[in-house]
C-alpha atoms as a PDB file:
ATOM      1  CA  MET A   1     151.011  46.997 129.802  1.00  0.00           C
ATOM      2  CA  MET A   2     148.921  49.212 127.507  1.00  0.00           C
ATOM      3  CA  ARG A   3     150.886  51.629 125.369  1.00  0.00           C
ATOM      4  CA  ASP A   4     150.168  55.327 125.970  1.00  0.00           C
ATOM      5  CA  ILE A   5     148.084  57.173 123.389  1.00  0.00           C
ATOM      6  CA  GLN A   6     149.437  60.547 122.316  1.00  0.00           C
ATOM      7  CA  ARG A   7     147.536  63.324 120.542  1.00  0.00           C
ATOM      8  CA  ARG A   8     148.868  66.104 118.368  1.00  0.00           C
ATOM      9  CA  VAL A   9     146.725  69.007 117.153  1.00  0.00           C
ATOM     10  CA  GLU A  10     148.142  71.463 114.657  1.00  0.00           C
ATOM     11  CA  TRP A  11     147.277  73.885 111.876  1.00  0.00           C
ATOM     12  CA  ILE A  12     148.549  72.839 108.468  1.00  0.00           C
ATOM     13  CA  LEU A  13     148.173  74.211 104.951  1.00  0.00           C
ATOM     14  CA  VAL A  14     145.950  71.931 102.875  1.00  0.00           C
ATOM     15  CA  SER A  15     146.128  73.079  99.280  1.00  0.00           C
ATOM     16  CA  GLY A  16     147.058  76.507 100.625  1.00  0.00           C
ATOM     17  CA  ARG A  17     144.209  76.727 103.162  1.00  0.00           C
ATOM     18  CA  TRP A  18     144.816  76.598 106.904  1.00  0.00           C
ATOM     19  CA  THR A  19     143.230  73.522 108.461  1.00  0.00           C
ATOM     20  CA  ARG A  20     143.227  72.189 112.007  1.00  0.00           C
ATOM     21  CA  VAL A  21     144.091  68.502 112.125  1.00  0.00           C
ATOM     22  CA  SER A  22     144.393  65.981 114.930  1.00  0.00           C
ATOM     23  CA  VAL A  23     146.431  62.784 114.918  1.00  0.00           C
ATOM     24  CA  MET A  24     146.520  60.206 117.704  1.00  0.00           C
ATOM     25  CA  GLY A  25     148.633  57.126 118.196  1.00  0.00           C
ATOM     26  CA  THR A  26     151.258  55.447 120.349  1.00  0.00           C
ATOM     27  CA  ASN A  27     154.096  56.846 118.257  1.00  0.00           C
ATOM     28  CA  LEU A  28     153.831  60.263 116.599  1.00  0.00           C
ATOM     29  CA  SER A  29     157.413  60.593 115.429  1.00  0.00           C
ATOM     30  CA  GLU A  30     158.100  62.092 112.015  1.00  0.00           C
ATOM     31  CA  GLU A  31     159.048  58.640 110.779  1.00  0.00           C
ATOM     32  CA  SER A  32     155.695  57.216 111.891  1.00  0.00           C
ATOM     33  CA  LEU A  33     153.776  60.014 110.185  1.00  0.00           C
ATOM     34  CA  ARG A  34     155.659  59.954 106.909  1.00  0.00           C
ATOM     35  CA  LYS A  35     153.384  59.940 103.898  1.00  0.00           C
ATOM     36  CA  ASP A  36     155.007  57.210 101.803  1.00  0.00           C
ATOM     37  CA  ASN A  37     154.495  53.501 102.323  1.00  0.00           C
ATOM     38  CA  MET A  38     157.472  51.827 103.998  1.00  0.00           C
ATOM     39  CA  GLY A  39     157.170  48.553 102.163  1.00  0.00           C
ATOM     40  CA  GLU A  40     157.427  45.253 104.039  1.00  0.00           C
ATOM     41  CA  ASN A  41     158.380  47.057 107.252  1.00  0.00           C
ATOM     42  CA  ASP A  42     155.254  49.236 107.252  1.00  0.00           C
ATOM     43  CA  ASN A  43     153.133  48.150 110.241  1.00  0.00           C
ATOM     44  CA  ARG A  44     150.904  51.257 110.355  1.00  0.00           C
ATOM     45  CA  ILE A  45     147.122  50.954 110.468  1.00  0.00           C
ATOM     46  CA  VAL A  46     145.847  54.395 109.441  1.00  0.00           C
ATOM     47  CA  ILE A  47     142.312  55.495 110.339  1.00  0.00           C
ATOM     48  CA  LEU A  48     140.843  58.704 108.919  1.00  0.00           C
ATOM     49  CA  MET A  49     137.778  60.302 110.539  1.00  0.00           C
ATOM     50  CA  VAL A  50     135.753  62.693 108.346  1.00  0.00           C
ATOM     51  CA  PRO A  51     133.497  64.785 110.628  1.00  0.00           C
ATOM     52  CA  GLY A  52     129.862  65.640 110.261  1.00  0.00           C
ATOM     53  CA  ASN A  53     128.482  69.172 110.494  1.00  0.00           C
ATOM     54  CA  PRO A  54     129.674  70.982 112.622  1.00  0.00           C
ATOM     55  CA  GLY A  55     133.094  69.842 111.491  1.00  0.00           C
ATOM     56  CA  ASN A  56     135.369  70.523 114.448  1.00  0.00           C
ATOM     57  CA  GLU A  57     137.904  67.707 114.766  1.00  0.00           C
ATOM     58  CA  GLY A  58     137.880  67.993 118.563  1.00  0.00           C
ATOM     59  CA  PHE A  59     134.430  66.412 118.738  1.00  0.00           C
ATOM     60  CA  TYR A  60     136.049  63.091 117.797  1.00  0.00           C
ATOM     61  CA  ALA A  61     139.018  63.229 120.192  1.00  0.00           C
ATOM     62  CA  ASP A  62     137.463  61.103 122.930  1.00  0.00           C
ATOM     63  CA  PHE A  63     135.949  58.705 120.387  1.00  0.00           C
ATOM     64  CA  GLY A  64     139.298  58.343 118.607  1.00  0.00           C
ATOM     65  CA  LYS A  65     141.118  57.625 121.867  1.00  0.00           C
ATOM     66  CA  ARG A  66     138.555  54.986 122.716  1.00  0.00           C
ATOM     67  CA  VAL A  67     138.861  53.370 119.283  1.00  0.00           C
ATOM     68  CA  LEU A  68     142.637  53.185 119.685  1.00  0.00           C
ATOM     69  CA  SER A  69     142.295  51.828 123.241  1.00  0.00           C
ATOM     70  CA  CYS A  70     139.975  49.085 121.995  1.00  0.00           C
ATOM     71  CA  LEU A  71     142.379  48.160 119.211  1.00  0.00           C
ATOM     72  CA  LEU A  72     145.377  48.131 121.559  1.00  0.00           C
ATOM     73  CA  SER A  73     143.478  46.025 124.098  1.00  0.00           C
ATOM     74  CA  ARG A  74     142.662  43.515 121.385  1.00  0.00           C
ATOM     75  CA  GLU A  75     146.344  43.379 120.421  1.00  0.00           C
ATOM     76  CA  GLU A  76     147.277  42.737 124.066  1.00  0.00           C
ATOM     77  CA  ARG A  77     144.700  39.950 124.415  1.00  0.00           C
ATOM     78  CA  LEU A  78     146.035  38.293 121.275  1.00  0.00           C
ATOM     79  CA  GLY A  79     149.597  38.591 122.547  1.00  0.00           C
ATOM     80  CA  LYS A  80     150.638  40.884 119.696  1.00  0.00           C
ATOM     81  CA  ARG A  81     152.331  44.268 119.735  1.00  0.00           C
ATOM     82  CA  LYS A  82     153.292  44.504 116.092  1.00  0.00           C
ATOM     83  CA  LEU A  83     150.819  47.019 114.712  1.00  0.00           C
ATOM     84  CA  GLN A  84     151.000  50.781 115.020  1.00  0.00           C
ATOM     85  CA  PHE A  85     147.674  52.624 114.926  1.00  0.00           C
ATOM     86  CA  LEU A  86     147.194  56.213 113.761  1.00  0.00           C
ATOM     87  CA  PHE A  87     143.851  58.037 114.043  1.00  0.00           C
ATOM     88  CA  TYR A  88     143.539  61.214 111.934  1.00  0.00           C
ATOM     89  CA  THR A  89     140.684  63.737 112.058  1.00  0.00           C
ATOM     90  CA  VAL A  90     140.514  66.767 109.778  1.00  0.00           C
ATOM     91  CA  SER A  91     138.305  69.789 110.488  1.00  0.00           C
ATOM     92  CA  HIS A  92     136.152  71.461 107.851  1.00  0.00           C
ATOM     93  CA  LEU A  93     137.299  74.811 106.503  1.00  0.00           C
ATOM     94  CA  ASN A  94     136.222  77.677 108.795  1.00  0.00           C
ATOM     95  CA  HIS A  95     134.365  75.347 111.150  1.00  0.00           C
ATOM     96  CA  VAL A  96     137.116  76.212 113.627  1.00  0.00           C
ATOM     97  CA  VAL A  97     138.130  79.812 114.354  1.00  0.00           C
ATOM     98  CA  LEU A  98     141.231  80.682 112.359  1.00  0.00           C
ATOM     99  CA  PRO A  99     143.961  82.005 114.684  1.00  0.00           C
ATOM    100  CA  THR A 100     144.682  85.703 114.204  1.00  0.00           C
ATOM    101  CA  GLU A 101     148.316  85.079 113.271  1.00  0.00           C
ATOM    102  CA  LEU A 102     147.191  82.963 110.284  1.00  0.00           C
ATOM    103  CA  HIS A 103     144.694  85.456 108.818  1.00  0.00           C
ATOM    104  CA  HIS A 104     146.988  86.753 106.101  1.00  0.00           C
ATOM    105  CA  SER A 105     149.123  83.734 105.231  1.00  0.00           C
ATOM    106  CA  GLY A 106     146.690  81.323 103.574  1.00  0.00           C
ATOM    107  CA  LYS A 107     144.438  81.302 100.529  1.00  0.00           C
ATOM    108  CA  HIS A 108     141.141  81.766 102.343  1.00  0.00           C
ATOM    109  CA  ARG A 109     139.674  84.486 104.540  1.00  0.00           C
ATOM    110  CA  CYS A 110     138.459  83.885 108.086  1.00  0.00           C
ATOM    111  CA  ASP A 111     134.987  85.183 107.135  1.00  0.00           C
ATOM    112  CA  GLU A 112     134.669  83.120 103.941  1.00  0.00           C
ATOM    113  CA  ARG A 113     131.757  80.668 103.661  1.00  0.00           C
ATOM    114  CA  PHE A 114     132.383  77.273 102.068  1.00  0.00           C
ATOM    115  CA  THR A 115     129.962  75.053 100.164  1.00  0.00           C
ATOM    116  CA  LEU A 116     129.597  71.302 100.536  1.00  0.00           C
ATOM    117  CA  ASP A 117     131.494  70.702  97.284  1.00  0.00           C
ATOM    118  CA  GLU A 118     134.363  72.873  98.473  1.00  0.00           C
ATOM    119  CA  GLN A 119     134.545  70.925 101.725  1.00  0.00           C
ATOM    120  CA  VAL A 120     134.573  67.652  99.760  1.00  0.00           C
ATOM    121  CA  GLN A 121     137.491  68.890  97.645  1.00  0.00           C
ATOM    122  CA  HIS A 122     139.256  69.946 100.829  1.00  0.00           C
ATOM    123  CA  LYS A 123     139.091  66.383 102.206  1.00  0.00           C
ATOM    124  CA  LEU A 124     140.425  64.979  98.954  1.00  0.00           C
ATOM    125  CA  ASP A 125     143.296  67.477  99.063  1.00  0.00           C
ATOM    126  CA  PHE A 126     144.116  66.509 102.649  1.00  0.00           C
ATOM    127  CA  VAL A 127     144.172  62.785 101.899  1.00  0.00           C
ATOM    128  CA  LYS A 128     146.407  63.230  98.864  1.00  0.00           C
ATOM    129  CA  GLU A 129     148.776  65.675 100.546  1.00  0.00           C
ATOM    130  CA  PHE A 130     149.087  64.321 104.093  1.00  0.00           C
ATOM    131  CA  LEU A 131     147.495  60.952 104.864  1.00  0.00           C
ATOM    132  CA  PRO A 132     150.118  58.198 105.291  1.00  0.00           C
ATOM    133  CA  ARG A 133     149.874  55.275 102.900  1.00  0.00           C
ATOM    134  CA  GLY A 134     150.169  52.708 105.654  1.00  0.00           C
ATOM    135  CA  HIS A 135     149.992  48.921 105.682  1.00  0.00           C
ATOM    136  CA  ARG A 136     146.201  49.183 105.878  1.00  0.00           C
ATOM    137  CA  VAL A 137     143.918  52.217 105.707  1.00  0.00           C
ATOM    138  CA  TYR A 138     140.386  52.558 107.082  1.00  0.00           C
ATOM    139  CA  MET A 139     138.179  55.584 106.591  1.00  0.00           C
ATOM    140  CA  LEU A 140     135.254  56.571 108.821  1.00  0.00           C
ATOM    141  CA  GLY A 141     132.669  59.176 107.897  1.00  0.00           C
ATOM    142  CA  HIS A 142     130.050  60.553 110.268  1.00  0.00           C
ATOM    143  CA  SER A 143     126.757  62.018 109.028  1.00  0.00           C
ATOM    144  CA  ILE A 144     127.572  64.326 106.062  1.00  0.00           C
ATOM    145  CA  GLY A 145     131.159  63.149 106.483  1.00  0.00           C
ATOM    146  CA  SER A 146     129.916  59.841 105.032  1.00  0.00           C
ATOM    147  CA  TYR A 147     128.808  61.676 101.902  1.00  0.00           C
ATOM    148  CA  MET A 148     132.209  63.377 101.658  1.00  0.00           C
ATOM    149  CA  LEU A 149     133.988  60.067 102.163  1.00  0.00           C
ATOM    150  CA  LEU A 150     132.011  58.347  99.401  1.00  0.00           C
ATOM    151  CA  ARG A 151     132.570  61.299  97.072  1.00  0.00           C
ATOM    152  CA  ILE A 152     136.374  61.132  97.374  1.00  0.00           C
ATOM    153  CA  LEU A 153     136.646  57.335  97.492  1.00  0.00           C
ATOM    154  CA  PRO A 154     137.006  56.753  93.721  1.00  0.00           C
ATOM    155  CA  TYR A 155     139.903  59.214  93.572  1.00  0.00           C
ATOM    156  CA  ILE A 156     141.994  57.643  96.330  1.00  0.00           C
ATOM    157  CA  LYS A 157     141.235  53.932  96.454  1.00  0.00           C
ATOM    158  CA  GLU A 158     143.986  52.917  94.030  1.00  0.00           C
ATOM    159  CA  ASP A 159     146.655  54.947  95.864  1.00  0.00           C
ATOM    160  CA  PHE A 160     145.958  53.486  99.312  1.00  0.00           C
ATOM    161  CA  ASN A 161     145.573  49.969 100.612  1.00  0.00           C
ATOM    162  CA  LEU A 162     142.041  50.946 101.636  1.00  0.00           C
ATOM    163  CA  LYS A 163     140.292  48.093 103.400  1.00  0.00           C
ATOM    164  CA  LYS A 164     136.998  49.663 104.409  1.00  0.00           C
ATOM    165  CA  ALA A 165     135.050  52.902 104.178  1.00  0.00           C
ATOM    166  CA  VAL A 166     132.622  52.962 107.107  1.00  0.00           C
ATOM    167  CA  CYS A 167     129.707  55.409 107.045  1.00  0.00           C
ATOM    168  CA  LEU A 168     128.273  56.139 110.501  1.00  0.00           C
ATOM    169  CA  TYR A 169     124.726  57.505 110.630  1.00  0.00           C
ATOM    170  CA  PRO A 170     125.123  58.438 106.960  1.00  0.00           C
ATOM    171  CA  THR A 171     123.300  61.449 105.528  1.00  0.00           C
ATOM    172  CA  ILE A 172     123.775  60.607 101.873  1.00  0.00           C
ATOM    173  CA  GLU A 173     120.231  60.978 100.542  1.00  0.00           C
ATOM    174  CA  LYS A 174     116.899  62.813 100.978  1.00  0.00           C
ATOM    175  CA  MET A 175     118.160  65.132 103.705  1.00  0.00           C
ATOM    176  CA  ALA A 176     115.431  67.749 103.202  1.00  0.00           C
ATOM    177  CA  GLU A 177     112.766  65.023 103.585  1.00  0.00           C
ATOM    178  CA  THR A 178     113.997  63.767 106.961  1.00  0.00           C
ATOM    179  CA  PRO A 179     112.316  64.932 110.191  1.00  0.00           C
ATOM    180  CA  ASN A 180     115.226  67.254 111.019  1.00  0.00           C
ATOM    181  CA  GLY A 181     115.457  68.497 107.444  1.00  0.00           C
ATOM    182  CA  ILE A 182     111.775  69.416 107.408  1.00  0.00           C
ATOM    183  CA  ARG A 183     112.062  71.128 110.794  1.00  0.00           C
ATOM    184  CA  LEU A 184     115.132  73.225 109.951  1.00  0.00           C
ATOM    185  CA  ARG A 185     114.678  73.876 106.231  1.00  0.00           C
ATOM    186  CA  LYS A 186     113.084  77.330 106.431  1.00  0.00           C
ATOM    187  CA  VAL A 187     115.315  78.579 109.230  1.00  0.00           C
ATOM    188  CA  LEU A 188     118.504  77.539 107.435  1.00  0.00           C
ATOM    189  CA  ALA A 189     117.319  78.955 104.099  1.00  0.00           C
ATOM    190  CA  THR A 190     116.436  82.291 105.706  1.00  0.00           C
ATOM    191  CA  LEU A 191     119.738  82.639 107.564  1.00  0.00           C
ATOM    192  CA  ASN A 192     121.734  81.547 104.531  1.00  0.00           C
ATOM    193  CA  ALA A 193     120.014  83.954 102.132  1.00  0.00           C
ATOM    194  CA  ASN A 194     120.218  86.817 104.643  1.00  0.00           C
ATOM    195  CA  ASP A 195     123.812  86.639 105.807  1.00  0.00           C
ATOM    196  CA  TRP A 196     123.402  90.010 107.527  1.00  0.00           C
ATOM    197  CA  LEU A 197     120.800  88.385 109.788  1.00  0.00           C
ATOM    198  CA  ALA A 198     123.099  85.523 110.729  1.00  0.00           C
ATOM    199  CA  LYS A 199     125.796  88.078 111.554  1.00  0.00           C
ATOM    200  CA  SER A 200     123.407  90.243 113.573  1.00  0.00           C
ATOM    201  CA  LEU A 201     122.243  87.306 115.669  1.00  0.00           C
ATOM    202  CA  THR A 202     125.718  86.001 116.497  1.00  0.00           C
ATOM    203  CA  PHE A 203     128.288  88.838 116.364  1.00  0.00           C
ATOM    204  CA  TRP A 204     128.161  89.211 120.156  1.00  0.00           C
ATOM    205  CA  LEU A 205     129.419  85.663 120.631  1.00  0.00           C
ATOM    206  CA  ASP A 206     132.873  86.761 119.505  1.00  0.00           C
ATOM    207  CA  PHE A 207     133.144  88.998 122.581  1.00  0.00           C
ATOM    208  CA  LEU A 208     132.415  86.258 125.112  1.00  0.00           C
ATOM    209  CA  PRO A 209     135.419  84.816 126.979  1.00  0.00           C
ATOM    210  CA  SER A 210     136.081  81.125 126.439  1.00  0.00           C
ATOM    211  CA  THR A 211     135.129  80.353 130.047  1.00  0.00           C
ATOM    212  CA  ALA A 212     131.657  81.829 129.490  1.00  0.00           C
ATOM    213  CA  LYS A 213     131.250  79.844 126.268  1.00  0.00           C
ATOM    214  CA  LYS A 214     132.185  76.599 128.013  1.00  0.00           C
ATOM    215  CA  TRP A 215     129.728  77.388 130.825  1.00  0.00           C
ATOM    216  CA  LEU A 216     126.924  77.926 128.306  1.00  0.00           C
ATOM    217  CA  VAL A 217     127.732  74.660 126.566  1.00  0.00           C
ATOM    218  CA  SER A 218     128.013  72.728 129.840  1.00  0.00           C
ATOM    219  CA  TRP A 219     124.659  74.121 130.916  1.00  0.00           C
ATOM    220  CA  ASN A 220     123.069  72.731 127.736  1.00  0.00           C
ATOM    221  CA  LEU A 221     124.977  69.444 127.490  1.00  0.00           C
ATOM    222  CA  THR A 222     123.880  68.095 130.838  1.00  0.00           C
ATOM    223  CA  GLY A 223     124.220  64.602 132.193  1.00  0.00           C
ATOM    224  CA  GLU A 224     127.080  62.252 132.901  1.00  0.00           C
ATOM    225  CA  GLY A 225     129.574  61.032 130.381  1.00  0.00           C
ATOM    226  CA  VAL A 226     129.932  64.107 128.146  1.00  0.00           C
ATOM    227  CA  PRO A 227     133.673  64.234 127.298  1.00  0.00           C
ATOM    228  CA  ALA A 228     135.621  67.401 128.088  1.00  0.00           C
ATOM    229  CA  ASP A 229     136.780  67.513 124.454  1.00  0.00           C
ATOM    230  CA  VAL A 230     133.153  67.698 123.316  1.00  0.00           C
ATOM    231  CA  ILE A 231     132.459  70.587 125.703  1.00  0.00           C
ATOM    232  CA  SER A 232     135.556  72.432 124.499  1.00  0.00           C
ATOM    233  CA  SER A 233     134.765  71.841 120.806  1.00  0.00           C
ATOM    234  CA  ALA A 234     131.138  72.872 121.209  1.00  0.00           C
ATOM    235  CA  SER A 235     132.244  76.112 122.866  1.00  0.00           C
ATOM    236  CA  GLU A 236     134.384  76.863 119.799  1.00  0.00           C
ATOM    237  CA  LEU A 237     131.211  76.849 117.699  1.00  0.00           C
ATOM    238  CA  LEU A 238     130.061  79.988 119.512  1.00  0.00           C
ATOM    239  CA  ASN A 239     131.603  82.296 116.940  1.00  0.00           C
ATOM    240  CA  MET A 240     129.962  84.374 114.219  1.00  0.00           C
ATOM    241  CA  ASN A 241     131.961  83.081 111.251  1.00  0.00           C
ATOM    242  CA  VAL A 242     131.842  79.476 112.412  1.00  0.00           C
ATOM    243  CA  PHE A 243     128.069  79.731 112.825  1.00  0.00           C
ATOM    244  CA  ARG A 244     127.733  81.247 109.329  1.00  0.00           C
ATOM    245  CA  ASN A 245     129.694  78.355 107.846  1.00  0.00           C
ATOM    246  CA  ILE A 246     127.633  75.745 109.684  1.00  0.00           C
ATOM    247  CA  VAL A 247     124.444  77.357 108.354  1.00  0.00           C
ATOM    248  CA  HIS A 248     125.806  77.770 104.818  1.00  0.00           C
ATOM    249  CA  MET A 249     126.970  74.183 104.546  1.00  0.00           C
ATOM    250  CA  SER A 250     123.806  72.807 106.196  1.00  0.00           C
ATOM    251  CA  ASN A 251     121.600  74.655 103.735  1.00  0.00           C
ATOM    252  CA  ASP A 252     123.741  73.421 100.859  1.00  0.00           C
ATOM    253  CA  GLU A 253     123.398  69.861 102.133  1.00  0.00           C
ATOM    254  CA  LEU A 254     119.596  70.093 102.056  1.00  0.00           C
ATOM    255  CA  ASP A 255     119.739  71.447  98.499  1.00  0.00           C
ATOM    256  CA  GLN A 256     122.312  69.006  97.167  1.00  0.00           C
ATOM    257  CA  VAL A 257     121.852  65.715  99.035  1.00  0.00           C
ATOM    258  CA  THR A 258     118.525  64.628  97.560  1.00  0.00           C
ATOM    259  CA  GLU A 259     117.931  61.360  95.682  1.00  0.00           C
ATOM    260  CA  LEU A 260     120.678  58.815  96.208  1.00  0.00           C
ATOM    261  CA  ASP A 261     123.544  59.223  93.769  1.00  0.00           C
ATOM    262  CA  GLU A 262     124.296  55.605  92.834  1.00  0.00           C
ATOM    263  CA  THR A 263     127.866  56.529  91.870  1.00  0.00           C
ATOM    264  CA  LEU A 264     128.559  56.939  95.592  1.00  0.00           C
ATOM    265  CA  LEU A 265     128.293  53.149  95.858  1.00  0.00           C
ATOM    266  CA  PHE A 266     130.760  52.440  93.058  1.00  0.00           C
ATOM    267  CA  HIS A 267     133.129  50.544  95.383  1.00  0.00           C
ATOM    268  CA  LYS A 268     130.436  48.511  97.130  1.00  0.00           C
ATOM    269  CA  GLU A 269     132.852  45.824  98.244  1.00  0.00           C
ATOM    270  CA  SER A 270     134.668  48.326 100.489  1.00  0.00           C
ATOM    271  CA  ILE A 271     131.693  50.307 101.818  1.00  0.00           C
ATOM    272  CA  PHE A 272     129.867  49.615 105.091  1.00  0.00           C
ATOM    273  CA  PHE A 273     126.945  51.522 106.612  1.00  0.00           C
ATOM    274  CA  TYR A 274     125.941  51.889 110.253  1.00  0.00           C
ATOM    275  CA  TYR A 275     122.390  53.190 110.827  1.00  0.00           C
ATOM    276  CA  GLY A 276     120.711  54.305 114.030  1.00  0.00           C
ATOM    277  CA  ILE A 277     117.231  53.316 115.188  1.00  0.00           C
ATOM    278  CA  ARG A 278     116.227  56.848 116.260  1.00  0.00           C
ATOM    279  CA  ASP A 279     117.865  59.223 113.851  1.00  0.00           C
ATOM    280  CA  GLY A 280     116.159  62.434 112.744  1.00  0.00           C
ATOM    281  CA  TRP A 281     118.695  62.939 109.961  1.00  0.00           C
ATOM    282  CA  CYS A 282     118.856  59.385 108.711  1.00  0.00           C
ATOM    283  CA  PRO A 283     115.642  57.420 109.350  1.00  0.00           C
ATOM    284  CA  LEU A 284     115.901  53.656 109.656  1.00  0.00           C
ATOM    285  CA  GLU A 285     113.760  53.173 106.556  1.00  0.00           C
ATOM    286  CA  LEU A 286     116.667  54.521 104.495  1.00  0.00           C
ATOM    287  CA  GLY A 287     118.876  51.880 106.062  1.00  0.00           C
ATOM    288  CA  GLU A 288     116.391  49.190 105.163  1.00  0.00           C
ATOM    289  CA  LYS A 289     116.415  50.330 101.547  1.00  0.00           C
ATOM    290  CA  MET A 290     120.198  50.434 101.569  1.00  0.00           C
ATOM    291  CA  SER A 291     120.272  46.807 102.750  1.00  0.00           C
ATOM    292  CA  ALA A 292     118.631  45.819  99.476  1.00  0.00           C
ATOM    293  CA  ARG A 293     121.422  47.505  97.516  1.00  0.00           C
ATOM    294  CA  MET A 294     124.382  46.167  99.477  1.00  0.00           C
ATOM    295  CA  ALA A 295     125.811  42.716 100.125  1.00  0.00           C
ATOM    296  CA  ARG A 296     124.891  40.923 103.317  1.00  0.00           C
ATOM    297  CA  GLY A 297     126.775  42.297 106.312  1.00  0.00           C
ATOM    298  CA  HIS A 298     127.486  45.672 104.733  1.00  0.00           C
ATOM    299  CA  VAL A 299     124.560  47.429 106.433  1.00  0.00           C
ATOM    300  CA  ILE A 300     124.495  47.294 110.225  1.00  0.00           C
ATOM    301  CA  VAL A 301     121.713  48.669 112.426  1.00  0.00           C
ATOM    302  CA  ASP A 302     122.628  49.980 115.870  1.00  0.00           C
ATOM    303  CA  THR A 303     121.275  47.916 118.766  1.00  0.00           C
ATOM    304  CA  HIS A 304     122.384  50.277 121.545  1.00  0.00           C
ATOM    305  CA  ASN A 305     119.966  53.163 120.941  1.00  0.00           C
ATOM    306  CA  CYS A 306     122.847  55.548 120.256  1.00  0.00           C
ATOM    307  CA  GLU A 307     122.202  59.121 119.167  1.00  0.00           C
ATOM    308  CA  HIS A 308     123.048  60.522 115.734  1.00  0.00           C
ATOM    309  CA  ALA A 309     125.587  62.780 117.491  1.00  0.00           C
ATOM    310  CA  PHE A 310     127.128  59.727 119.156  1.00  0.00           C
ATOM    311  CA  VAL A 311     130.293  61.556 120.212  1.00  0.00           C
ATOM    312  CA  ILE A 312     128.367  63.380 122.966  1.00  0.00           C
ATOM    313  CA  ARG A 313     127.366  60.404 125.118  1.00  0.00           C
ATOM    314  CA  ASP A 314     127.829  57.212 123.107  1.00  0.00           C
ATOM    315  CA  GLY A 315     131.496  57.353 122.107  1.00  0.00           C
ATOM    316  CA  LYS A 316     132.431  54.349 124.241  1.00  0.00           C
ATOM    317  CA  VAL A 317     129.776  52.104 122.699  1.00  0.00           C
ATOM    318  CA  MET A 318     130.565  53.230 119.148  1.00  0.00           C
ATOM    319  CA  ALA A 319     134.299  52.758 119.647  1.00  0.00           C
ATOM    320  CA  GLU A 320     133.664  49.132 120.623  1.00  0.00           C
ATOM    321  CA  GLU A 321     131.441  48.727 117.556  1.00  0.00           C
ATOM    322  CA  MET A 322     134.355  49.802 115.335  1.00  0.00           C
ATOM    323  CA  LEU A 323     136.289  46.645 116.196  1.00  0.00           C
ATOM    324  CA  GLN A 324     134.119  44.671 113.773  1.00  0.00           C
ATOM    325  CA  PHE A 325     135.338  46.872 110.914  1.00  0.00           C
ATOM    326  CA  ILE A 326     139.001  47.446 111.736  1.00  0.00           C
ATOM    327  CA  VAL A 327     140.647  44.041 111.489  1.00  0.00           C
END
């Protein structure tokens, strides 16, 4: 019989800054989540998910559950029940509304805007301070989360038994030259430079009840198969300060993620890329060029016509695809 998957969502202080984090697994006891490696008795397979932008960890809840279900099913088919899987997802700073009771107890303000570099440092801080050093560790990055993952990789690889860093629909180069980058460049630059305008356009969202926000999101995310967690997470984006942070970081991405930084590929033996065939942020031609840089089998092209934002409707397919990486 399949083991039940539990999920815990909590606010923790990462280097003094309040951060919402999710962890899923079949055993979420304090012993299972302890940071240190347990030696020969450590049977934990730890998976870290670094989100894209927007960076609300809830977007990956359904995907994470499906990944764990696939892994547990494989264990059952093989007649094994020895491994313990943990799936962590960490939100970006101020991409989730900071609860009122936490406004005055951390290092950052609820209306503070964070740059891409600051979000990268935040992920490094989280990994060093909280991620368990299990028997094996796998790290997944989605979109700009792939860039963050590759940026922190050199600083953590020696401390963890890291098997693979998997970059899904990776936006790690030429973002402003992509179809979506070209389309959004001026709008993002204008809103970022004129913060008063971004506030004026979105302040009213803070007065909407959560039920109205979910209705608006549901009305836009039509069709079957959209997970409830995606609807709930998308409704949390309807907030002035969250919107300002999404804009600020997006604009920074277009400024900063230009020509490929070859140092991102320093640990080529551990890095894998997964490209889409219809991706406005990461055209397939970039994947073809990446294939020339990487060893055979390290660049995979999607054959299921999944969207860049795969968590909306393609989480099931992508979860099954992850089995080829997590072994």
